[in-house]
Amino acid sequence: MIEVQDVRIDPDSRRAWRNGQEVTLSRKEFDLVYKLISNAGAIVSRQELMRDVWNTEFFTNSKTIDVHLGWVRRKLGDDTRRPTLISTIRGKGLRFEKVSENVAG
């Protein structure tokens, strides 16, 4: 089991939970979350995601990752406009945040 913030995944059973509620993810969505959460706190490049999740060295469609990321954020209940789980680091890649960046105000 890997748990970061309130997201828990079980790589062996390929299951995921947020706040104790199971979240149904497709195979690619799970692979994307697994890659990011297992590297929580670190930036994972889009090239690395294409290689490890989509099994290709070629960046055939730059929107592929964005579309899947949008689905994952919605399924995990992460605000797509102000995400607290998975951040897009412009020009670098994506990062699963170790700590919520929620700011009271």
N, C-alpha and C. Protein backbone atom coordinates (compact mmCIF):
# COMPACT_ATOMS: atom_id res chain seq x y z
N MET A 1 0.84 -1.19 0.00
CA MET A 1 0.00 0.00 0.00
C MET A 1 0.88 1.25 0.00
N ILE A 2 0.42 2.23 -0.75
CA ILE A 2 1.08 3.53 -0.76
C ILE A 2 0.02 4.55 -0.37
N GLU A 3 0.34 5.40 0.60
CA GLU A 3 -0.62 6.42 1.02
C GLU A 3 0.06 7.76 1.09
N VAL A 4 -0.52 8.74 0.40
CA VAL A 4 -0.04 10.11 0.42
C VAL A 4 -1.26 11.00 0.52
N GLN A 5 -1.18 11.97 1.41
CA GLN A 5 -2.34 12.79 1.77
C GLN A 5 -3.47 11.83 2.15
N ASP A 6 -4.63 11.96 1.53
CA ASP A 6 -5.74 11.06 1.83
C ASP A 6 -6.04 10.10 0.69
N VAL A 7 -5.02 9.85 -0.14
CA VAL A 7 -5.13 8.91 -1.25
C VAL A 7 -4.30 7.68 -0.92
N ARG A 8 -4.91 6.52 -1.09
CA ARG A 8 -4.23 5.25 -0.82
C ARG A 8 -4.40 4.37 -2.04
N ILE A 9 -3.32 3.72 -2.45
CA ILE A 9 -3.41 2.78 -3.56
C ILE A 9 -2.77 1.46 -3.16
N ASP A 10 -3.30 0.41 -3.75
CA ASP A 10 -2.75 -0.93 -3.56
C ASP A 10 -2.30 -1.42 -4.92
N PRO A 11 -1.00 -1.37 -5.19
CA PRO A 11 -0.49 -1.78 -6.49
C PRO A 11 -0.79 -3.24 -6.84
N ASP A 12 -0.84 -4.10 -5.82
CA ASP A 12 -1.08 -5.52 -6.08
C ASP A 12 -2.50 -5.79 -6.58
N SER A 13 -3.47 -5.14 -5.96
CA SER A 13 -4.86 -5.35 -6.39
C SER A 13 -5.32 -4.29 -7.39
N ARG A 14 -4.46 -3.28 -7.64
CA ARG A 14 -4.76 -2.18 -8.56
C ARG A 14 -6.04 -1.46 -8.14
N ARG A 15 -6.14 -1.16 -6.84
CA ARG A 15 -7.29 -0.44 -6.30
C ARG A 15 -6.82 0.86 -5.68
N ALA A 16 -7.73 1.85 -5.65
CA ALA A 16 -7.41 3.16 -5.10
C ALA A 16 -8.56 3.66 -4.23
N TRP A 17 -8.20 4.47 -3.21
CA TRP A 17 -9.19 5.05 -2.32
C TRP A 17 -8.84 6.50 -2.05
N ARG A 18 -9.86 7.32 -1.87
CA ARG A 18 -9.68 8.71 -1.42
C ARG A 18 -10.63 8.91 -0.25
N ASN A 19 -10.09 9.36 0.87
CA ASN A 19 -10.88 9.54 2.09
C ASN A 19 -11.62 8.26 2.47
N GLY A 20 -11.00 7.12 2.23
CA GLY A 20 -11.60 5.84 2.59
C GLY A 20 -12.63 5.32 1.61
N GLN A 21 -12.97 6.10 0.59
CA GLN A 21 -13.94 5.68 -0.43
C GLN A 21 -13.19 5.15 -1.65
N GLU A 22 -13.57 3.97 -2.11
CA GLU A 22 -12.89 3.41 -3.28
C GLU A 22 -13.19 4.24 -4.51
N VAL A 23 -12.16 4.44 -5.32
CA VAL A 23 -12.25 5.20 -6.57
C VAL A 23 -11.95 4.23 -7.70
N THR A 24 -12.85 4.16 -8.67
CA THR A 24 -12.66 3.26 -9.81
C THR A 24 -11.83 3.98 -10.87
N LEU A 25 -10.68 3.40 -11.18
CA LEU A 25 -9.77 3.97 -12.18
C LEU A 25 -9.57 2.96 -13.30
N SER A 26 -9.46 3.48 -14.53
CA SER A 26 -9.11 2.62 -15.66
C SER A 26 -7.66 2.17 -15.48
N ARG A 27 -7.22 1.26 -16.33
CA ARG A 27 -5.85 0.76 -16.25
C ARG A 27 -4.83 1.90 -16.40
N LYS A 28 -5.01 2.76 -17.39
CA LYS A 28 -4.07 3.87 -17.62
C LYS A 28 -4.15 4.90 -16.50
N GLU A 29 -5.37 5.17 -16.02
CA GLU A 29 -5.52 6.11 -14.92
C GLU A 29 -4.79 5.60 -13.68
N PHE A 30 -4.96 4.31 -13.38
CA PHE A 30 -4.26 3.73 -12.23
C PHE A 30 -2.75 3.83 -12.42
N ASP A 31 -2.27 3.48 -13.61
CA ASP A 31 -0.83 3.53 -13.88
C ASP A 31 -0.29 4.95 -13.72
N LEU A 32 -1.08 5.95 -14.15
CA LEU A 32 -0.68 7.34 -14.01
C LEU A 32 -0.59 7.73 -12.53
N VAL A 33 -1.62 7.40 -11.76
CA VAL A 33 -1.61 7.70 -10.33
C VAL A 33 -0.47 6.98 -9.64
N TYR A 34 -0.28 5.70 -9.98
CA TYR A 34 0.78 4.91 -9.36
C TYR A 34 2.16 5.54 -9.61
N LYS A 35 2.41 5.93 -10.84
CA LYS A 35 3.70 6.54 -11.18
C LYS A 35 3.91 7.83 -10.39
N LEU A 36 2.85 8.64 -10.30
CA LEU A 36 2.99 9.92 -9.61
C LEU A 36 3.08 9.75 -8.09
N ILE A 37 2.22 8.93 -7.53
CA ILE A 37 2.18 8.79 -6.07
C ILE A 37 3.42 8.06 -5.54
N SER A 38 3.96 7.15 -6.34
CA SER A 38 5.16 6.45 -5.89
C SER A 38 6.40 7.35 -5.98
N ASN A 39 6.25 8.49 -6.62
CA ASN A 39 7.32 9.50 -6.69
C ASN A 39 6.85 10.80 -6.03
N ALA A 40 5.96 10.70 -5.04
CA ALA A 40 5.36 11.88 -4.41
C ALA A 40 6.42 12.88 -3.96
N GLY A 41 6.15 14.14 -4.27
CA GLY A 41 7.07 15.21 -3.92
C GLY A 41 8.07 15.53 -5.02
N ALA A 42 8.25 14.61 -5.95
CA ALA A 42 9.20 14.81 -7.06
C ALA A 42 8.44 15.12 -8.35
N ILE A 43 9.07 15.87 -9.21
CA ILE A 43 8.48 16.15 -10.52
C ILE A 43 8.75 14.97 -11.44
N VAL A 44 7.69 14.50 -12.09
CA VAL A 44 7.80 13.43 -13.08
C VAL A 44 7.55 14.06 -14.44
N SER A 45 8.52 13.95 -15.33
CA SER A 45 8.40 14.58 -16.64
C SER A 45 7.35 13.89 -17.50
N ARG A 46 6.83 14.62 -18.45
CA ARG A 46 5.86 14.06 -19.39
C ARG A 46 6.50 12.93 -20.21
N GLN A 47 7.77 13.08 -20.55
CA GLN A 47 8.46 12.03 -21.29
C GLN A 47 8.53 10.75 -20.46
N GLU A 48 8.80 10.89 -19.17
CA GLU A 48 8.86 9.73 -18.29
C GLU A 48 7.48 9.07 -18.17
N LEU A 49 6.43 9.87 -18.10
CA LEU A 49 5.06 9.34 -18.05
C LEU A 49 4.72 8.60 -19.33
N MET A 50 5.07 9.17 -20.47
CA MET A 50 4.80 8.51 -21.75
C MET A 50 5.54 7.17 -21.82
N ARG A 51 6.78 7.16 -21.35
CA ARG A 51 7.57 5.93 -21.38
C ARG A 51 7.01 4.88 -20.43
N ASP A 52 6.71 5.27 -19.20
CA ASP A 52 6.35 4.29 -18.18
C ASP A 52 4.86 3.94 -18.13
N VAL A 53 4.00 4.87 -18.49
CA VAL A 53 2.56 4.61 -18.45
C VAL A 53 2.02 4.18 -19.81
N TRP A 54 2.48 4.85 -20.86
CA TRP A 54 1.99 4.53 -22.20
C TRP A 54 2.96 3.65 -22.98
N ASN A 55 4.08 3.28 -22.38
CA ASN A 55 5.06 2.37 -22.99
C ASN A 55 5.53 2.83 -24.36
N THR A 56 5.80 4.11 -24.47
CA THR A 56 6.32 4.63 -25.72
C THR A 56 7.34 5.71 -25.43
N GLU A 57 8.34 5.80 -26.27
CA GLU A 57 9.34 6.85 -26.17
C GLU A 57 8.90 8.08 -26.95
N PHE A 58 7.86 7.91 -27.78
CA PHE A 58 7.43 8.98 -28.66
C PHE A 58 6.25 9.72 -28.07
N PHE A 59 6.32 11.02 -28.11
CA PHE A 59 5.27 11.87 -27.57
C PHE A 59 4.29 12.13 -28.71
N THR A 60 3.41 11.15 -28.94
CA THR A 60 2.53 11.22 -30.11
C THR A 60 1.46 12.28 -30.00
N ASN A 61 0.91 12.51 -28.79
CA ASN A 61 -0.15 13.47 -28.63
C ASN A 61 0.02 14.13 -27.27
N SER A 62 0.35 15.40 -27.28
CA SER A 62 0.62 16.09 -26.03
C SER A 62 -0.61 16.19 -25.14
N LYS A 63 -1.79 15.99 -25.70
CA LYS A 63 -3.02 16.08 -24.91
C LYS A 63 -3.38 14.77 -24.21
N THR A 64 -2.76 13.68 -24.57
CA THR A 64 -3.06 12.38 -23.96
C THR A 64 -2.93 12.43 -22.45
N ILE A 65 -1.81 12.93 -21.96
CA ILE A 65 -1.59 13.01 -20.52
C ILE A 65 -2.60 13.96 -19.89
N ASP A 66 -2.83 15.12 -20.52
CA ASP A 66 -3.76 16.10 -19.96
C ASP A 66 -5.17 15.55 -19.83
N VAL A 67 -5.62 14.81 -20.83
CA VAL A 67 -6.97 14.24 -20.79
C VAL A 67 -7.08 13.23 -19.65
N HIS A 68 -6.12 12.32 -19.56
CA HIS A 68 -6.14 11.32 -18.49
C HIS A 68 -5.99 11.98 -17.11
N LEU A 69 -5.16 13.00 -17.03
CA LEU A 69 -4.98 13.72 -15.78
C LEU A 69 -6.29 14.38 -15.34
N GLY A 70 -7.03 14.95 -16.28
CA GLY A 70 -8.32 15.54 -15.97
C GLY A 70 -9.29 14.52 -15.42
N TRP A 71 -9.33 13.35 -16.03
CA TRP A 71 -10.21 12.27 -15.55
C TRP A 71 -9.81 11.85 -14.14
N VAL A 72 -8.50 11.69 -13.91
CA VAL A 72 -8.01 11.27 -12.59
C VAL A 72 -8.36 12.32 -11.54
N ARG A 73 -8.11 13.58 -11.85
CA ARG A 73 -8.43 14.64 -10.88
C ARG A 73 -9.91 14.62 -10.52
N ARG A 74 -10.78 14.49 -11.51
CA ARG A 74 -12.22 14.45 -11.23
C ARG A 74 -12.59 13.24 -10.39
N LYS A 75 -12.05 12.09 -10.74
CA LYS A 75 -12.38 10.87 -9.98
C LYS A 75 -11.89 10.93 -8.55
N LEU A 76 -10.75 11.59 -8.33
CA LEU A 76 -10.21 11.71 -6.98
C LEU A 76 -10.84 12.89 -6.23
N GLY A 77 -11.68 13.66 -6.92
CA GLY A 77 -12.32 14.80 -6.27
C GLY A 77 -11.38 15.97 -6.08
N ASP A 78 -10.34 16.05 -6.90
CA ASP A 78 -9.37 17.14 -6.83
C ASP A 78 -9.86 18.26 -7.75
N ASP A 79 -9.89 19.47 -7.26
CA ASP A 79 -10.34 20.62 -8.04
C ASP A 79 -9.42 20.79 -9.25
N THR A 80 -9.99 20.70 -10.46
CA THR A 80 -9.16 20.79 -11.66
C THR A 80 -8.59 22.19 -11.86
N ARG A 81 -9.23 23.21 -11.29
CA ARG A 81 -8.72 24.58 -11.42
C ARG A 81 -7.66 24.92 -10.38
N ARG A 82 -7.81 24.33 -9.18
CA ARG A 82 -6.85 24.56 -8.10
C ARG A 82 -6.53 23.22 -7.44
N PRO A 83 -5.84 22.35 -8.15
CA PRO A 83 -5.57 21.01 -7.61
C PRO A 83 -4.67 21.05 -6.38
N THR A 84 -4.96 20.16 -5.44
CA THR A 84 -4.12 20.04 -4.24
C THR A 84 -3.39 18.70 -4.21
N LEU A 85 -3.80 17.77 -5.08
CA LEU A 85 -3.15 16.46 -5.11
C LEU A 85 -2.05 16.40 -6.16
N ILE A 86 -2.42 16.67 -7.40
CA ILE A 86 -1.47 16.56 -8.52
C ILE A 86 -1.29 17.93 -9.13
N SER A 87 -0.08 18.45 -9.04
CA SER A 87 0.23 19.77 -9.58
C SER A 87 0.91 19.66 -10.93
N THR A 88 0.58 20.59 -11.81
CA THR A 88 1.27 20.71 -13.08
C THR A 88 2.39 21.73 -12.88
N ILE A 89 3.60 21.31 -13.15
CA ILE A 89 4.76 22.18 -13.03
C ILE A 89 5.13 22.60 -14.45
N ARG A 90 4.75 23.79 -14.81
CA ARG A 90 4.90 24.28 -16.19
C ARG A 90 6.33 24.08 -16.71
N GLY A 91 6.39 23.43 -17.88
CA GLY A 91 7.67 23.19 -18.53
C GLY A 91 8.49 22.05 -17.93
N LYS A 92 8.00 21.43 -16.84
CA LYS A 92 8.75 20.38 -16.17
C LYS A 92 8.02 19.05 -16.14
N GLY A 93 6.74 19.05 -15.75
CA GLY A 93 5.99 17.80 -15.64
C GLY A 93 4.91 17.90 -14.58
N LEU A 94 4.68 16.79 -13.88
CA LEU A 94 3.64 16.70 -12.87
C LEU A 94 4.23 16.25 -11.54
N ARG A 95 3.57 16.64 -10.45
CA ARG A 95 4.04 16.24 -9.13
C ARG A 95 2.83 15.89 -8.25
N PHE A 96 2.87 14.72 -7.63
CA PHE A 96 1.88 14.38 -6.62
C PHE A 96 2.36 15.01 -5.33
N GLU A 97 1.57 15.92 -4.78
CA GLU A 97 1.99 16.69 -3.60
C GLU A 97 1.96 15.82 -2.35
N LYS A 98 3.01 15.88 -1.56
CA LYS A 98 3.09 15.11 -0.32
C LYS A 98 2.16 15.69 0.74
N VAL A 99 1.99 17.01 0.72
CA VAL A 99 1.17 17.70 1.69
C VAL A 99 0.20 18.59 0.95
N SER A 100 -1.03 18.66 1.43
CA SER A 100 -2.05 19.51 0.80
C SER A 100 -1.59 20.96 0.86
N GLU A 101 -1.82 21.67 -0.22
CA GLU A 101 -1.46 23.09 -0.30
C GLU A 101 -2.64 23.99 0.00
N ASN A 102 -3.68 23.44 0.65
CA ASN A 102 -4.85 24.25 0.98
C ASN A 102 -4.45 25.42 1.85
N VAL A 103 -4.96 26.60 1.51
CA VAL A 103 -4.67 27.80 2.27
C VAL A 103 -5.99 28.36 2.77
N ALA A 104 -6.11 28.50 4.06
CA ALA A 104 -7.35 29.08 4.62
C ALA A 104 -7.36 30.57 4.34
N GLY A 105 -8.54 31.08 4.07
CA GLY A 105 -8.56 32.51 3.82
C GLY A 105 -9.85 32.94 3.44
